[in-house]
């Protein structure tokens, strides 16, 4: 059974399934750092925040899909892609949100966000 995380912001929560087969080191590093909390920044159709996790690129990709949850090694940042925008540089996509991704459209810069184990 795949590990899952819960991302909470404003008045909603969504669940994301970790992609442990694709990026096991990134999944482990994020899992061990949970719970995480931060202040949201918005870039195009992406919500992100700085996290205290330092890991290098692991099969990084320059593109993402709506619902991807990624680690940005250059940040280091926790990124949620809720639209068509793409990362500014390659990311380690380590989880996927299957439902509720549209809720991130109402998130604003400065909102509090938390991530915990499901």
N, C-alpha and C. Protein backbone atom coordinates (compact mmCIF):
# COMPACT_ATOMS: atom_id res chain seq x y z
N UNK A 1 0.85 -1.19 0.00
CA UNK A 1 0.00 0.00 0.00
C UNK A 1 0.88 1.24 0.00
N UNK A 2 0.62 2.14 -0.90
CA UNK A 2 1.41 3.35 -1.02
C UNK A 2 1.14 4.30 0.15
N UNK A 3 2.19 4.99 0.56
CA UNK A 3 2.02 6.01 1.61
C UNK A 3 1.29 7.20 1.02
N UNK A 4 0.53 7.89 1.88
CA UNK A 4 -0.21 9.07 1.45
C UNK A 4 0.07 10.22 2.40
N UNK A 5 -0.04 11.42 1.85
CA UNK A 5 0.11 12.63 2.64
C UNK A 5 -1.16 13.46 2.52
N UNK A 6 -1.42 14.29 3.53
CA UNK A 6 -2.55 15.20 3.51
C UNK A 6 -2.00 16.62 3.47
N UNK A 7 -2.47 17.39 2.50
CA UNK A 7 -2.07 18.79 2.36
C UNK A 7 -3.28 19.63 2.74
N UNK A 8 -3.10 20.50 3.74
CA UNK A 8 -4.19 21.34 4.24
C UNK A 8 -3.84 22.81 4.06
N UNK A 9 -4.82 23.57 3.54
CA UNK A 9 -4.63 25.00 3.32
C UNK A 9 -6.00 25.66 3.31
N UNK A 10 -6.08 26.84 3.87
CA UNK A 10 -7.36 27.56 3.97
C UNK A 10 -8.39 26.67 4.65
N UNK A 11 -9.49 26.38 3.97
CA UNK A 11 -10.56 25.58 4.57
C UNK A 11 -10.71 24.22 3.89
N UNK A 12 -9.62 23.69 3.35
CA UNK A 12 -9.72 22.39 2.68
C UNK A 12 -8.48 21.53 2.93
N UNK A 13 -8.66 20.25 2.64
CA UNK A 13 -7.57 19.28 2.68
C UNK A 13 -7.68 18.41 1.44
N UNK A 14 -6.52 18.01 0.91
CA UNK A 14 -6.49 17.04 -0.19
C UNK A 14 -5.47 15.96 0.17
N UNK A 15 -5.65 14.81 -0.43
CA UNK A 15 -4.74 13.70 -0.20
C UNK A 15 -3.91 13.47 -1.45
N UNK A 16 -2.63 13.15 -1.25
CA UNK A 16 -1.74 12.84 -2.37
C UNK A 16 -1.08 11.50 -2.11
N UNK A 17 -1.00 10.69 -3.13
CA UNK A 17 -0.35 9.39 -3.03
C UNK A 17 1.11 9.53 -3.45
N UNK A 18 2.00 8.99 -2.62
CA UNK A 18 3.43 9.09 -2.92
C UNK A 18 3.82 8.13 -4.04
N UNK A 19 4.73 8.58 -4.89
CA UNK A 19 5.19 7.81 -6.05
C UNK A 19 6.51 7.13 -5.69
N UNK A 20 6.43 6.17 -4.78
CA UNK A 20 7.63 5.56 -4.21
C UNK A 20 8.44 4.73 -5.21
N UNK A 21 7.77 4.20 -6.22
CA UNK A 21 8.49 3.42 -7.24
C UNK A 21 9.34 4.34 -8.12
N UNK A 22 8.87 5.55 -8.34
CA UNK A 22 9.55 6.48 -9.24
C UNK A 22 10.68 7.25 -8.58
N UNK A 23 10.44 7.72 -7.33
CA UNK A 23 11.44 8.55 -6.64
C UNK A 23 11.50 8.19 -5.16
N UNK A 24 12.03 7.00 -4.85
CA UNK A 24 12.04 6.51 -3.47
C UNK A 24 12.83 7.38 -2.50
N UNK A 25 13.96 7.93 -2.91
CA UNK A 25 14.77 8.76 -2.00
C UNK A 25 14.03 10.05 -1.64
N UNK A 26 13.40 10.67 -2.63
CA UNK A 26 12.65 11.89 -2.37
C UNK A 26 11.46 11.59 -1.46
N UNK A 27 10.74 10.51 -1.74
CA UNK A 27 9.59 10.13 -0.90
C UNK A 27 10.04 9.91 0.54
N UNK A 28 11.13 9.18 0.74
CA UNK A 28 11.62 8.92 2.10
C UNK A 28 12.01 10.19 2.82
N UNK A 29 12.72 11.08 2.13
CA UNK A 29 13.17 12.33 2.76
C UNK A 29 11.99 13.20 3.17
N UNK A 30 11.00 13.32 2.32
CA UNK A 30 9.81 14.11 2.64
C UNK A 30 9.05 13.45 3.79
N UNK A 31 8.84 12.15 3.71
CA UNK A 31 8.10 11.41 4.73
C UNK A 31 8.73 11.60 6.11
N UNK A 32 10.06 11.50 6.17
CA UNK A 32 10.77 11.64 7.45
C UNK A 32 10.68 13.06 8.00
N UNK A 33 10.51 14.04 7.14
CA UNK A 33 10.45 15.45 7.56
C UNK A 33 9.05 15.86 8.03
N UNK A 34 8.04 15.04 7.75
CA UNK A 34 6.66 15.41 8.11
C UNK A 34 6.46 15.43 9.62
N UNK A 35 5.61 16.32 10.12
CA UNK A 35 4.78 17.29 9.39
C UNK A 35 5.59 18.53 8.98
N UNK A 36 5.16 19.15 7.88
CA UNK A 36 5.76 20.37 7.37
C UNK A 36 4.73 21.49 7.42
N UNK A 37 5.21 22.70 7.58
CA UNK A 37 4.32 23.85 7.61
C UNK A 37 5.04 25.02 6.97
N UNK A 38 4.29 25.88 6.30
CA UNK A 38 4.92 27.02 5.66
C UNK A 38 3.93 28.08 5.25
N UNK A 39 4.50 29.09 4.61
CA UNK A 39 3.72 30.20 4.09
C UNK A 39 3.75 30.11 2.58
N UNK A 40 2.58 30.07 1.98
CA UNK A 40 2.44 29.87 0.54
C UNK A 40 2.99 31.03 -0.28
N UNK A 41 3.64 30.65 -1.37
CA UNK A 41 3.99 31.57 -2.45
C UNK A 41 3.28 31.02 -3.68
N UNK A 42 2.90 31.92 -4.58
CA UNK A 42 2.24 31.52 -5.82
C UNK A 42 3.13 31.91 -6.99
N UNK A 43 3.31 30.98 -7.91
CA UNK A 43 4.02 31.27 -9.15
C UNK A 43 3.19 30.66 -10.27
N UNK A 44 2.58 31.55 -11.07
CA UNK A 44 1.68 31.11 -12.15
C UNK A 44 0.60 30.20 -11.57
N UNK A 45 0.55 28.91 -11.99
CA UNK A 45 -0.44 27.96 -11.47
C UNK A 45 0.26 26.90 -10.61
N UNK A 46 1.05 27.42 -9.67
CA UNK A 46 1.82 26.58 -8.76
C UNK A 46 1.80 27.21 -7.38
N UNK A 47 1.57 26.38 -6.37
CA UNK A 47 1.68 26.78 -4.97
C UNK A 47 2.98 26.16 -4.48
N UNK A 48 3.81 26.95 -3.80
CA UNK A 48 5.03 26.37 -3.26
C UNK A 48 5.40 27.04 -1.95
N UNK A 49 6.23 26.34 -1.18
CA UNK A 49 6.77 26.91 0.05
C UNK A 49 8.10 26.23 0.36
N UNK A 50 8.95 26.96 1.07
CA UNK A 50 10.26 26.44 1.44
C UNK A 50 10.12 25.37 2.51
N UNK A 51 10.96 24.34 2.39
CA UNK A 51 10.96 23.28 3.40
C UNK A 51 12.40 22.97 3.82
N UNK A 52 12.59 22.47 5.03
CA UNK A 52 13.94 22.17 5.53
C UNK A 52 14.42 20.77 5.13
N UNK A 53 14.32 20.45 3.86
CA UNK A 53 14.74 19.15 3.35
C UNK A 53 15.77 19.40 2.27
N UNK A 54 16.92 18.74 2.39
CA UNK A 54 17.99 18.92 1.40
C UNK A 54 18.31 17.57 0.77
N UNK A 55 17.87 17.41 -0.47
CA UNK A 55 18.24 16.24 -1.25
C UNK A 55 18.50 16.69 -2.68
N UNK A 56 19.29 15.94 -3.38
CA UNK A 56 19.62 16.31 -4.74
C UNK A 56 18.57 15.86 -5.73
N UNK A 57 18.81 16.14 -6.99
CA UNK A 57 17.89 15.71 -8.04
C UNK A 57 17.78 14.17 -8.05
N UNK A 58 16.56 13.69 -8.26
CA UNK A 58 16.30 12.25 -8.39
C UNK A 58 15.35 12.08 -9.57
N UNK A 59 15.91 11.69 -10.70
CA UNK A 59 15.14 11.61 -11.94
C UNK A 59 14.33 12.89 -12.14
N UNK A 60 14.99 14.07 -12.11
CA UNK A 60 14.25 15.33 -12.22
C UNK A 60 13.65 15.50 -13.61
N UNK A 61 12.50 16.17 -13.65
CA UNK A 61 11.84 16.43 -14.92
C UNK A 61 11.57 17.93 -15.06
N UNK A 62 11.68 18.46 -16.28
CA UNK A 62 11.41 19.87 -16.51
C UNK A 62 9.92 20.16 -16.70
N UNK A 63 9.09 19.11 -16.76
CA UNK A 63 7.65 19.31 -16.96
C UNK A 63 6.87 18.58 -15.87
N UNK A 64 5.65 19.07 -15.64
CA UNK A 64 4.76 18.46 -14.65
C UNK A 64 3.35 18.39 -15.23
N UNK A 65 2.48 17.66 -14.51
CA UNK A 65 1.07 17.58 -14.87
C UNK A 65 0.26 18.20 -13.75
N UNK A 66 -0.95 18.62 -14.06
CA UNK A 66 -1.86 19.10 -13.03
C UNK A 66 -2.04 18.01 -11.98
N UNK A 67 -1.85 18.38 -10.71
CA UNK A 67 -1.97 17.42 -9.61
C UNK A 67 -0.64 16.89 -9.12
N UNK A 68 0.45 17.21 -9.82
CA UNK A 68 1.77 16.76 -9.37
C UNK A 68 2.20 17.51 -8.12
N UNK A 69 2.82 16.77 -7.20
CA UNK A 69 3.43 17.34 -6.01
C UNK A 69 4.92 17.05 -6.16
N UNK A 70 5.73 18.10 -6.14
CA UNK A 70 7.14 17.95 -6.46
C UNK A 70 8.04 18.61 -5.44
N UNK A 71 9.28 18.12 -5.41
CA UNK A 71 10.33 18.73 -4.60
C UNK A 71 11.23 19.50 -5.56
N UNK A 72 11.50 20.75 -5.23
CA UNK A 72 12.36 21.59 -6.06
C UNK A 72 13.73 21.68 -5.37
N UNK A 73 14.74 20.94 -5.89
CA UNK A 73 16.05 20.91 -5.24
C UNK A 73 16.69 22.29 -5.07
N UNK A 74 16.45 23.19 -6.00
CA UNK A 74 17.09 24.52 -5.94
C UNK A 74 16.51 25.40 -4.83
N UNK A 75 15.31 25.07 -4.35
CA UNK A 75 14.65 25.91 -3.34
C UNK A 75 15.34 25.92 -1.98
N UNK A 76 15.30 24.87 -1.24
CA UNK A 76 14.48 23.70 -1.54
C UNK A 76 13.00 23.98 -1.28
N UNK A 77 12.15 23.50 -2.17
CA UNK A 77 10.75 23.82 -2.05
C UNK A 77 9.83 22.63 -2.26
N UNK A 78 8.63 22.76 -1.69
CA UNK A 78 7.52 21.81 -1.84
C UNK A 78 6.55 22.47 -2.80
N UNK A 79 6.29 21.84 -3.94
CA UNK A 79 5.52 22.48 -5.00
C UNK A 79 4.27 21.66 -5.34
N UNK A 80 3.17 22.37 -5.56
CA UNK A 80 1.92 21.75 -5.97
C UNK A 80 1.48 22.41 -7.27
N UNK A 81 1.39 21.62 -8.33
CA UNK A 81 1.03 22.16 -9.64
C UNK A 81 -0.46 21.95 -9.87
N UNK A 82 -1.22 23.06 -9.92
CA UNK A 82 -2.68 22.97 -10.03
C UNK A 82 -3.21 23.44 -11.37
N UNK A 83 -2.32 23.71 -12.33
CA UNK A 83 -2.76 24.16 -13.65
C UNK A 83 -1.75 23.76 -14.71
N UNK A 84 -1.65 24.60 -15.73
CA UNK A 84 -0.80 24.28 -16.87
C UNK A 84 0.63 24.78 -16.74
N UNK A 85 0.93 25.61 -15.74
CA UNK A 85 2.28 26.15 -15.64
C UNK A 85 3.30 25.06 -15.34
N UNK A 86 4.53 25.32 -15.68
CA UNK A 86 5.62 24.37 -15.53
C UNK A 86 6.67 24.93 -14.57
N UNK A 87 7.47 24.05 -13.98
CA UNK A 87 8.49 24.52 -13.04
C UNK A 87 9.55 25.37 -13.74
N UNK A 88 10.14 26.27 -12.96
CA UNK A 88 11.18 27.15 -13.49
C UNK A 88 12.46 26.37 -13.79
N UNK A 89 12.67 25.27 -13.08
CA UNK A 89 13.79 24.36 -13.33
C UNK A 89 13.34 22.96 -12.91
N UNK A 90 14.08 21.91 -13.30
CA UNK A 90 13.63 20.54 -13.04
C UNK A 90 13.31 20.25 -11.57
N UNK A 91 12.29 19.39 -11.39
CA UNK A 91 11.80 19.01 -10.07
C UNK A 91 11.73 17.49 -9.95
N UNK A 92 11.72 17.02 -8.68
CA UNK A 92 11.50 15.60 -8.38
C UNK A 92 10.02 15.45 -8.03
N UNK A 93 9.22 14.97 -8.96
CA UNK A 93 7.79 14.77 -8.67
C UNK A 93 7.67 13.49 -7.85
N UNK A 94 7.15 13.63 -6.61
CA UNK A 94 7.14 12.50 -5.68
C UNK A 94 5.74 12.09 -5.23
N UNK A 95 4.70 12.83 -5.61
CA UNK A 95 3.34 12.47 -5.21
C UNK A 95 2.35 13.04 -6.23
N UNK A 96 1.11 12.54 -6.18
CA UNK A 96 0.08 13.01 -7.11
C UNK A 96 -1.25 13.16 -6.37
N UNK A 97 -1.89 14.30 -6.61
CA UNK A 97 -3.21 14.58 -6.06
C UNK A 97 -4.22 14.15 -7.13
N UNK A 98 -5.13 13.24 -6.77
CA UNK A 98 -6.09 12.73 -7.75
C UNK A 98 -7.41 13.47 -7.74
N UNK A 99 -7.75 14.10 -6.61
CA UNK A 99 -9.00 14.86 -6.59
C UNK A 99 -8.86 16.07 -5.68
N UNK A 100 -9.53 17.15 -6.06
CA UNK A 100 -9.52 18.37 -5.27
C UNK A 100 -8.47 19.39 -5.66
N UNK A 101 -7.71 19.11 -6.71
CA UNK A 101 -6.60 20.01 -7.08
C UNK A 101 -7.10 21.42 -7.41
N UNK A 102 -8.33 21.54 -7.92
CA UNK A 102 -8.87 22.86 -8.29
C UNK A 102 -9.02 23.78 -7.08
N UNK A 103 -9.06 23.22 -5.88
CA UNK A 103 -9.20 24.03 -4.67
C UNK A 103 -8.01 24.97 -4.47
N UNK A 104 -6.87 24.62 -5.03
CA UNK A 104 -5.68 25.46 -4.87
C UNK A 104 -5.80 26.78 -5.64
N UNK A 105 -6.78 26.91 -6.53
CA UNK A 105 -6.97 28.16 -7.26
C UNK A 105 -7.36 29.31 -6.34
N UNK A 106 -7.91 29.01 -5.16
CA UNK A 106 -8.32 30.08 -4.25
C UNK A 106 -7.26 30.41 -3.18
N UNK A 107 -6.13 29.71 -3.25
CA UNK A 107 -5.04 29.96 -2.30
C UNK A 107 -4.31 31.24 -2.69
N UNK A 108 -3.91 32.01 -1.70
CA UNK A 108 -3.23 33.28 -1.94
C UNK A 108 -1.87 33.29 -1.25
N UNK A 109 -0.96 34.09 -1.80
CA UNK A 109 0.35 34.27 -1.18
C UNK A 109 0.18 34.67 0.28
N UNK A 110 0.92 34.02 1.15
CA UNK A 110 0.85 34.32 2.58
C UNK A 110 -0.03 33.38 3.37
N UNK A 111 -0.89 32.59 2.69
CA UNK A 111 -1.73 31.61 3.40
C UNK A 111 -0.83 30.56 4.05
N UNK A 112 -1.28 30.00 5.16
CA UNK A 112 -0.56 28.92 5.84
C UNK A 112 -0.91 27.60 5.18
N UNK A 113 0.09 26.73 5.07
CA UNK A 113 -0.13 25.40 4.49
C UNK A 113 0.57 24.38 5.38
N UNK A 114 -0.06 23.22 5.55
CA UNK A 114 0.55 22.15 6.32
C UNK A 114 0.50 20.85 5.53
N UNK A 115 1.47 20.00 5.78
CA UNK A 115 1.53 18.69 5.15
C UNK A 115 1.82 17.68 6.26
N UNK A 116 1.02 16.62 6.29
CA UNK A 116 1.19 15.60 7.32
C UNK A 116 0.96 14.21 6.71
N UNK A 117 1.32 13.22 7.48
CA UNK A 117 1.08 11.84 7.05
C UNK A 117 -0.43 11.55 7.12
N UNK A 118 -0.93 10.81 6.16
CA UNK A 118 -2.36 10.46 6.14
C UNK A 118 -2.62 9.31 7.11
